[in-house]
Amino acid sequence: MAEEPATILLIDDHPMLRRGVKQLIGLAPDIQVIGEASSGEQGIAMAETLDPDLILLDLNMPGMNGLETLDHLRQKSLSGRIVVFTVSNLEEDVVQALKRGADGYLLKDMEPEELLVALQQAAAGEMVLSETLTPILAASLRNNRNGSERDVNQLTPREQDILRLIAQGLPNKLIARQLDITESTVKVHVKHLLKKMKLKSRVEAAVWVHQDRVF
């Protein structure tokens, strides 16, 4: 039996952009748009109702902006990923979004084919970042190293196993398969290890592991 397509919620105040992204996603059988919101407030309400696999979130919106919306979404018990989709490649925006819990950061000037692949990867649980942002993020982390405050030995052996696999870019489903545990158990461990290490997202966790050569 074929797997159900991954669900996506679009939060963006530009109807034309939402329509374009929706048409693009319509080309892929494994992902589908299940909701569209034109504001942060509306997006939060829809996210709670629909609990999508992926939320694609614009940063620059009137009223409640993307970062504020992200903060509110992270306070909810949502099971899906949140990926920022914006025109801004400013270091401050990239770093703030990832610190506040975004699972990825994509730029609106991406080629449609690249965007579609990135959305499929994000919906499957992988971390996604526009290529041009990697050096920006790396430079910022070098300038703001606070990883030394974290001690990986505070984690249980199982949490350390999961952190290693997160750093390799594996989604929950593959981590569960590799460790022979359920996906819901993986989710619980991920939540605990992020809290213990004071990390907001899997992206930040992976960058920390690589940057500080944790293992």
C-alpha atoms as a PDB file:
ATOM      1  CA  MET A   1       0.000   0.000   0.000  1.00  0.00           C
ATOM      2  CA  ALA A   2       1.365   3.435  -0.945  1.00  0.00           C
ATOM      3  CA  GLU A   3       2.326   5.750   1.900  1.00  0.00           C
ATOM      4  CA  GLU A   4       0.162   8.779   2.589  1.00  0.00           C
ATOM      5  CA  PRO A   5       1.673  11.991   1.162  1.00  0.00           C
ATOM      6  CA  ALA A   6       3.364  14.314   3.646  1.00  0.00           C
ATOM      7  CA  THR A   7       1.236  17.348   4.553  1.00  0.00           C
ATOM      8  CA  ILE A   8       2.339  20.979   4.270  1.00  0.00           C
ATOM      9  CA  LEU A   9       0.887  24.203   5.685  1.00  0.00           C
ATOM     10  CA  LEU A  10       1.878  27.470   3.961  1.00  0.00           C
ATOM     11  CA  ILE A  11       2.067  30.638   6.088  1.00  0.00           C
ATOM     12  CA  ASP A  12       2.738  33.642   3.830  1.00  0.00           C
ATOM     13  CA  ASP A  13       0.916  36.933   3.280  1.00  0.00           C
ATOM     14  CA  HIS A  14       1.438  36.876  -0.525  1.00  0.00           C
ATOM     15  CA  PRO A  15      -1.387  34.970  -2.289  1.00  0.00           C
ATOM     16  CA  MET A  16       0.566  34.792  -5.581  1.00  0.00           C
ATOM     17  CA  LEU A  17       3.523  33.175  -3.885  1.00  0.00           C
ATOM     18  CA  ARG A  18       1.313  30.682  -2.062  1.00  0.00           C
ATOM     19  CA  ARG A  19      -0.354  29.797  -5.347  1.00  0.00           C
ATOM     20  CA  GLY A  20       3.011  29.287  -7.061  1.00  0.00           C
ATOM     21  CA  VAL A  21       4.351  27.069  -4.286  1.00  0.00           C
ATOM     22  CA  LYS A  22       1.098  25.106  -4.217  1.00  0.00           C
ATOM     23  CA  GLN A  23       1.297  24.492  -7.980  1.00  0.00           C
ATOM     24  CA  LEU A  24       4.918  23.393  -7.624  1.00  0.00           C
ATOM     25  CA  ILE A  25       4.066  20.985  -4.797  1.00  0.00           C
ATOM     26  CA  GLY A  26       1.211  19.652  -6.954  1.00  0.00           C
ATOM     27  CA  LEU A  27       3.894  18.142  -9.225  1.00  0.00           C
ATOM     28  CA  ALA A  28       5.074  15.811  -6.442  1.00  0.00           C
ATOM     29  CA  PRO A  29       2.900  12.839  -5.453  1.00  0.00           C
ATOM     30  CA  ASP A  30       4.555  12.423  -2.042  1.00  0.00           C
ATOM     31  CA  ILE A  31       3.725  15.873  -0.592  1.00  0.00           C
ATOM     32  CA  GLN A  32       0.534  17.955  -0.546  1.00  0.00           C
ATOM     33  CA  VAL A  33      -0.618  21.354   0.729  1.00  0.00           C
ATOM     34  CA  ILE A  34      -3.408  20.933   3.293  1.00  0.00           C
ATOM     35  CA  GLY A  35      -3.729  24.545   4.380  1.00  0.00           C
ATOM     36  CA  GLU A  36      -2.831  28.156   3.568  1.00  0.00           C
ATOM     37  CA  ALA A  37      -2.628  31.040   6.022  1.00  0.00           C
ATOM     38  CA  SER A  38      -2.088  34.715   5.186  1.00  0.00           C
ATOM     39  CA  SER A  39      -0.936  35.791   8.667  1.00  0.00           C
ATOM     40  CA  GLY A  40       0.960  34.476  11.671  1.00  0.00           C
ATOM     41  CA  GLU A  41      -2.149  34.355  13.854  1.00  0.00           C
ATOM     42  CA  GLN A  42      -4.124  32.415  11.255  1.00  0.00           C
ATOM     43  CA  GLY A  43      -1.159  30.102  10.684  1.00  0.00           C
ATOM     44  CA  ILE A  44      -0.856  29.233  14.378  1.00  0.00           C
ATOM     45  CA  ALA A  45      -4.568  28.387  14.590  1.00  0.00           C
ATOM     46  CA  MET A  46      -4.388  26.215  11.465  1.00  0.00           C
ATOM     47  CA  ALA A  47      -1.198  24.477  12.636  1.00  0.00           C
ATOM     48  CA  GLU A  48      -2.933  23.448  15.869  1.00  0.00           C
ATOM     49  CA  THR A  49      -5.957  22.117  13.993  1.00  0.00           C
ATOM     50  CA  LEU A  50      -4.120  20.358  11.165  1.00  0.00           C
ATOM     51  CA  ASP A  51      -0.757  19.397  12.800  1.00  0.00           C
ATOM     52  CA  PRO A  52       0.962  19.168   9.386  1.00  0.00           C
ATOM     53  CA  ASP A  53       4.223  17.310   8.707  1.00  0.00           C
ATOM     54  CA  LEU A  54       5.793  20.565   7.527  1.00  0.00           C
ATOM     55  CA  ILE A  55       5.107  24.272   7.986  1.00  0.00           C
ATOM     56  CA  LEU A  56       6.605  26.649   5.416  1.00  0.00           C
ATOM     57  CA  LEU A  57       6.842  30.023   7.147  1.00  0.00           C
ATOM     58  CA  ASP A  58       7.529  33.479   5.682  1.00  0.00           C
ATOM     59  CA  LEU A  59       9.636  35.843   7.827  1.00  0.00           C
ATOM     60  CA  ASN A  60       8.433  39.250   6.650  1.00  0.00           C
ATOM     61  CA  MET A  61       4.715  39.481   7.326  1.00  0.00           C
ATOM     62  CA  PRO A  62       2.686  42.471   8.538  1.00  0.00           C
ATOM     63  CA  GLY A  63       1.405  42.224  12.108  1.00  0.00           C
ATOM     64  CA  MET A  64       2.950  39.170  13.739  1.00  0.00           C
ATOM     65  CA  ASN A  65       6.197  38.544  11.862  1.00  0.00           C
ATOM     66  CA  GLY A  66       7.747  35.169  11.078  1.00  0.00           C
ATOM     67  CA  LEU A  67      10.052  35.000  14.103  1.00  0.00           C
ATOM     68  CA  GLU A  68       7.194  35.837  16.492  1.00  0.00           C
ATOM     69  CA  THR A  69       5.031  33.241  14.741  1.00  0.00           C
ATOM     70  CA  LEU A  70       7.875  30.722  15.077  1.00  0.00           C
ATOM     71  CA  ASP A  71       8.101  31.404  18.832  1.00  0.00           C
ATOM     72  CA  HIS A  72       4.360  30.754  19.234  1.00  0.00           C
ATOM     73  CA  LEU A  73       4.462  27.596  17.096  1.00  0.00           C
ATOM     74  CA  ARG A  74       7.353  26.224  19.162  1.00  0.00           C
ATOM     75  CA  GLN A  75       5.245  26.608  22.303  1.00  0.00           C
ATOM     76  CA  LYS A  76       2.624  24.268  20.833  1.00  0.00           C
ATOM     77  CA  SER A  77       2.958  20.487  20.857  1.00  0.00           C
ATOM     78  CA  LEU A  78       3.218  20.135  17.086  1.00  0.00           C
ATOM     79  CA  SER A  79       4.848  17.053  15.610  1.00  0.00           C
ATOM     80  CA  GLY A  80       5.911  18.535  12.257  1.00  0.00           C
ATOM     81  CA  ARG A  81       8.903  20.539  11.061  1.00  0.00           C
ATOM     82  CA  ILE A  82       9.019  24.298  10.594  1.00  0.00           C
ATOM     83  CA  VAL A  83      11.056  25.677   7.701  1.00  0.00           C
ATOM     84  CA  VAL A  84      11.523  29.407   7.126  1.00  0.00           C
ATOM     85  CA  PHE A  85      11.001  30.517   3.504  1.00  0.00           C
ATOM     86  CA  THR A  86      12.108  34.091   2.911  1.00  0.00           C
ATOM     87  CA  VAL A  87      13.966  36.611   0.746  1.00  0.00           C
ATOM     88  CA  SER A  88      16.330  37.516   3.601  1.00  0.00           C
ATOM     89  CA  ASN A  89      19.854  36.095   3.587  1.00  0.00           C
ATOM     90  CA  LEU A  90      20.960  38.346   6.459  1.00  0.00           C
ATOM     91  CA  GLU A  91      23.118  36.512   8.990  1.00  0.00           C
ATOM     92  CA  GLU A  92      21.036  37.862  11.873  1.00  0.00           C
ATOM     93  CA  ASP A  93      17.791  36.483  10.404  1.00  0.00           C
ATOM     94  CA  VAL A  94      19.297  33.069   9.614  1.00  0.00           C
ATOM     95  CA  VAL A  95      20.858  32.661  13.063  1.00  0.00           C
ATOM     96  CA  GLN A  96      17.790  33.984  14.923  1.00  0.00           C
ATOM     97  CA  ALA A  97      15.455  31.634  13.038  1.00  0.00           C
ATOM     98  CA  LEU A  98      17.597  28.572  13.762  1.00  0.00           C
ATOM     99  CA  LYS A  99      18.134  29.560  17.399  1.00  0.00           C
ATOM    100  CA  ARG A 100      14.404  30.000  17.854  1.00  0.00           C
ATOM    101  CA  GLY A 101      13.664  26.527  16.587  1.00  0.00           C
ATOM    102  CA  ALA A 102      13.417  26.521  12.778  1.00  0.00           C
ATOM    103  CA  ASP A 103      14.271  23.165  11.210  1.00  0.00           C
ATOM    104  CA  GLY A 104      15.528  24.766   8.025  1.00  0.00           C
ATOM    105  CA  TYR A 105      15.941  28.025   6.130  1.00  0.00           C
ATOM    106  CA  LEU A 106      15.227  28.367   2.424  1.00  0.00           C
ATOM    107  CA  LEU A 107      15.497  31.426   0.187  1.00  0.00           C
ATOM    108  CA  LYS A 108      12.695  32.451  -2.173  1.00  0.00           C
ATOM    109  CA  ASP A 109      15.102  32.907  -5.095  1.00  0.00           C
ATOM    110  CA  MET A 110      15.790  29.150  -5.230  1.00  0.00           C
ATOM    111  CA  GLU A 111      15.203  27.334  -8.505  1.00  0.00           C
ATOM    112  CA  PRO A 112      11.754  25.646  -8.428  1.00  0.00           C
ATOM    113  CA  GLU A 113      13.284  22.173  -8.887  1.00  0.00           C
ATOM    114  CA  GLU A 114      15.658  22.750  -5.953  1.00  0.00           C
ATOM    115  CA  LEU A 115      12.817  24.047  -3.785  1.00  0.00           C
ATOM    116  CA  LEU A 116      10.691  20.990  -4.529  1.00  0.00           C
ATOM    117  CA  VAL A 117      13.538  18.635  -3.567  1.00  0.00           C
ATOM    118  CA  ALA A 118      14.195  20.635  -0.376  1.00  0.00           C
ATOM    119  CA  LEU A 119      10.501  20.477   0.598  1.00  0.00           C
ATOM    120  CA  GLN A 120      10.433  16.718   0.023  1.00  0.00           C
ATOM    121  CA  GLN A 121      13.540  16.338   2.177  1.00  0.00           C
ATOM    122  CA  ALA A 122      12.124  18.581   4.915  1.00  0.00           C
ATOM    123  CA  ALA A 123       8.784  16.743   4.920  1.00  0.00           C
ATOM    124  CA  ALA A 124      10.708  13.474   5.302  1.00  0.00           C
ATOM    125  CA  GLY A 125      12.414  14.899   8.393  1.00  0.00           C
ATOM    126  CA  GLU A 126      15.723  16.096   6.979  1.00  0.00           C
ATOM    127  CA  MET A 127      17.304  19.456   7.732  1.00  0.00           C
ATOM    128  CA  VAL A 128      17.309  21.869   4.815  1.00  0.00           C
ATOM    129  CA  LEU A 129      19.366  25.003   4.272  1.00  0.00           C
ATOM    130  CA  SER A 130      19.906  27.008   1.078  1.00  0.00           C
ATOM    131  CA  GLU A 131      23.497  26.365  -0.025  1.00  0.00           C
ATOM    132  CA  THR A 132      24.467  30.032  -0.042  1.00  0.00           C
ATOM    133  CA  LEU A 133      23.659  30.242   3.688  1.00  0.00           C
ATOM    134  CA  THR A 134      26.106  27.587   4.891  1.00  0.00           C
ATOM    135  CA  PRO A 135      29.184  29.888   5.032  1.00  0.00           C
ATOM    136  CA  ILE A 136      27.092  32.620   6.714  1.00  0.00           C
ATOM    137  CA  LEU A 137      25.969  30.186   9.409  1.00  0.00           C
ATOM    138  CA  ALA A 138      29.441  28.704   9.899  1.00  0.00           C
ATOM    139  CA  ALA A 139      31.005  32.175  10.327  1.00  0.00           C
ATOM    140  CA  SER A 140      28.356  33.179  12.849  1.00  0.00           C
ATOM    141  CA  LEU A 141      28.894  30.014  14.884  1.00  0.00           C
ATOM    142  CA  ARG A 142      32.647  30.559  14.945  1.00  0.00           C
ATOM    143  CA  ASN A 143      32.044  34.034  16.328  1.00  0.00           C
ATOM    144  CA  ASN A 144      29.514  32.890  18.926  1.00  0.00           C
ATOM    145  CA  ARG A 145      30.791  29.625  20.267  1.00  0.00           C
ATOM    146  CA  ASN A 146      28.883  28.651  23.383  1.00  0.00           C
ATOM    147  CA  GLY A 147      29.030  24.910  22.815  1.00  0.00           C
ATOM    148  CA  SER A 148      31.644  24.574  25.552  1.00  0.00           C
ATOM    149  CA  GLU A 149      28.864  25.153  28.105  1.00  0.00           C
ATOM    150  CA  ARG A 150      27.236  21.903  26.958  1.00  0.00           C
ATOM    151  CA  ASP A 151      28.365  18.524  28.211  1.00  0.00           C
ATOM    152  CA  VAL A 152      27.289  15.622  26.027  1.00  0.00           C
ATOM    153  CA  ASN A 153      27.856  13.279  28.986  1.00  0.00           C
ATOM    154  CA  GLN A 154      24.665  14.655  30.541  1.00  0.00           C
ATOM    155  CA  LEU A 155      22.815  12.663  27.894  1.00  0.00           C
ATOM    156  CA  THR A 156      21.907   8.994  28.288  1.00  0.00           C
ATOM    157  CA  PRO A 157      23.683   6.539  25.935  1.00  0.00           C
ATOM    158  CA  ARG A 158      20.494   6.249  23.871  1.00  0.00           C
ATOM    159  CA  GLU A 159      20.169  10.041  23.593  1.00  0.00           C
ATOM    160  CA  GLN A 160      23.809  10.211  22.482  1.00  0.00           C
ATOM    161  CA  ASP A 161      23.108   7.583  19.802  1.00  0.00           C
ATOM    162  CA  ILE A 162      20.190   9.651  18.540  1.00  0.00           C
ATOM    163  CA  LEU A 163      22.238  12.881  18.588  1.00  0.00           C
ATOM    164  CA  ARG A 164      24.913  11.187  16.433  1.00  0.00           C
ATOM    165  CA  LEU A 165      22.267  10.171  13.898  1.00  0.00           C
ATOM    166  CA  ILE A 166      20.679  13.650  13.914  1.00  0.00           C
ATOM    167  CA  ALA A 167      24.135  15.046  13.115  1.00  0.00           C
ATOM    168  CA  GLN A 168      24.270  12.682  10.129  1.00  0.00           C
ATOM    169  CA  GLY A 169      21.021  14.271   8.902  1.00  0.00           C
ATOM    170  CA  LEU A 170      18.795  11.239   9.515  1.00  0.00           C
ATOM    171  CA  PRO A 171      15.044  11.822   9.993  1.00  0.00           C
ATOM    172  CA  ASN A 172      13.135  10.225  12.900  1.00  0.00           C
ATOM    173  CA  LYS A 173      11.824   7.381  10.762  1.00  0.00           C
ATOM    174  CA  LEU A 174      15.341   6.207   9.808  1.00  0.00           C
ATOM    175  CA  ILE A 175      16.678   6.749  13.336  1.00  0.00           C
ATOM    176  CA  ALA A 176      13.873   4.537  14.656  1.00  0.00           C
ATOM    177  CA  ARG A 177      14.681   1.863  12.078  1.00  0.00           C
ATOM    178  CA  GLN A 178      18.409   1.971  12.811  1.00  0.00           C
ATOM    179  CA  LEU A 179      17.966   1.746  16.602  1.00  0.00           C
ATOM    180  CA  ASP A 180      15.038  -0.686  16.389  1.00  0.00           C
ATOM    181  CA  ILE A 181      12.689   1.541  18.405  1.00  0.00           C
ATOM    182  CA  THR A 182       9.413   3.282  17.527  1.00  0.00           C
ATOM    183  CA  GLU A 183       9.307   6.687  15.869  1.00  0.00           C
ATOM    184  CA  SER A 184       7.335   8.108  18.815  1.00  0.00           C
ATOM    185  CA  THR A 185      10.118   6.956  21.190  1.00  0.00           C
ATOM    186  CA  VAL A 186      12.656   8.765  19.001  1.00  0.00           C
ATOM    187  CA  LYS A 187      10.547  11.961  19.181  1.00  0.00           C
ATOM    188  CA  VAL A 188      10.530  11.796  22.993  1.00  0.00           C
ATOM    189  CA  HIS A 189      14.321  11.294  23.137  1.00  0.00           C
ATOM    190  CA  VAL A 190      14.905  14.161  20.679  1.00  0.00           C
ATOM    191  CA  LYS A 191      12.753  16.480  22.792  1.00  0.00           C
ATOM    192  CA  HIS A 192      14.693  15.528  25.952  1.00  0.00           C
ATOM    193  CA  LEU A 193      18.155  15.841  24.453  1.00  0.00           C
ATOM    194  CA  LEU A 194      17.418  19.254  22.904  1.00  0.00           C
ATOM    195  CA  LYS A 195      16.136  20.481  26.271  1.00  0.00           C
ATOM    196  CA  LYS A 196      19.130  19.104  28.207  1.00  0.00           C
ATOM    197  CA  MET A 197      21.629  20.646  25.780  1.00  0.00           C
ATOM    198  CA  LYS A 198      19.661  23.941  25.562  1.00  0.00           C
ATOM    199  CA  LEU A 199      19.271  23.529  21.811  1.00  0.00           C
ATOM    200  CA  LYS A 200      16.229  24.880  19.983  1.00  0.00           C
ATOM    201  CA  SER A 201      16.255  22.629  16.940  1.00  0.00           C
ATOM    202  CA  ARG A 202      17.833  19.641  15.212  1.00  0.00           C
ATOM    203  CA  VAL A 203      19.714  22.006  12.904  1.00  0.00           C
ATOM    204  CA  GLU A 204      21.365  23.706  15.862  1.00  0.00           C
ATOM    205  CA  ALA A 205      22.130  20.293  17.387  1.00  0.00           C
ATOM    206  CA  ALA A 206      23.787  19.025  14.198  1.00  0.00           C
ATOM    207  CA  VAL A 207      25.817  22.207  13.741  1.00  0.00           C
ATOM    208  CA  TRP A 208      26.980  22.004  17.383  1.00  0.00           C
ATOM    209  CA  VAL A 209      28.079  18.372  16.991  1.00  0.00           C
ATOM    210  CA  HIS A 210      30.094  19.162  13.850  1.00  0.00           C
ATOM    211  CA  GLN A 211      31.446  22.519  15.007  1.00  0.00           C
ATOM    212  CA  ASP A 212      32.626  21.295  18.422  1.00  0.00           C
ATOM    213  CA  ARG A 213      33.538  17.760  17.262  1.00  0.00           C
ATOM    214  CA  VAL A 214      31.373  16.438  20.080  1.00  0.00           C
ATOM    215  CA  PHE A 215      31.933  12.766  19.248  1.00  0.00           C
END
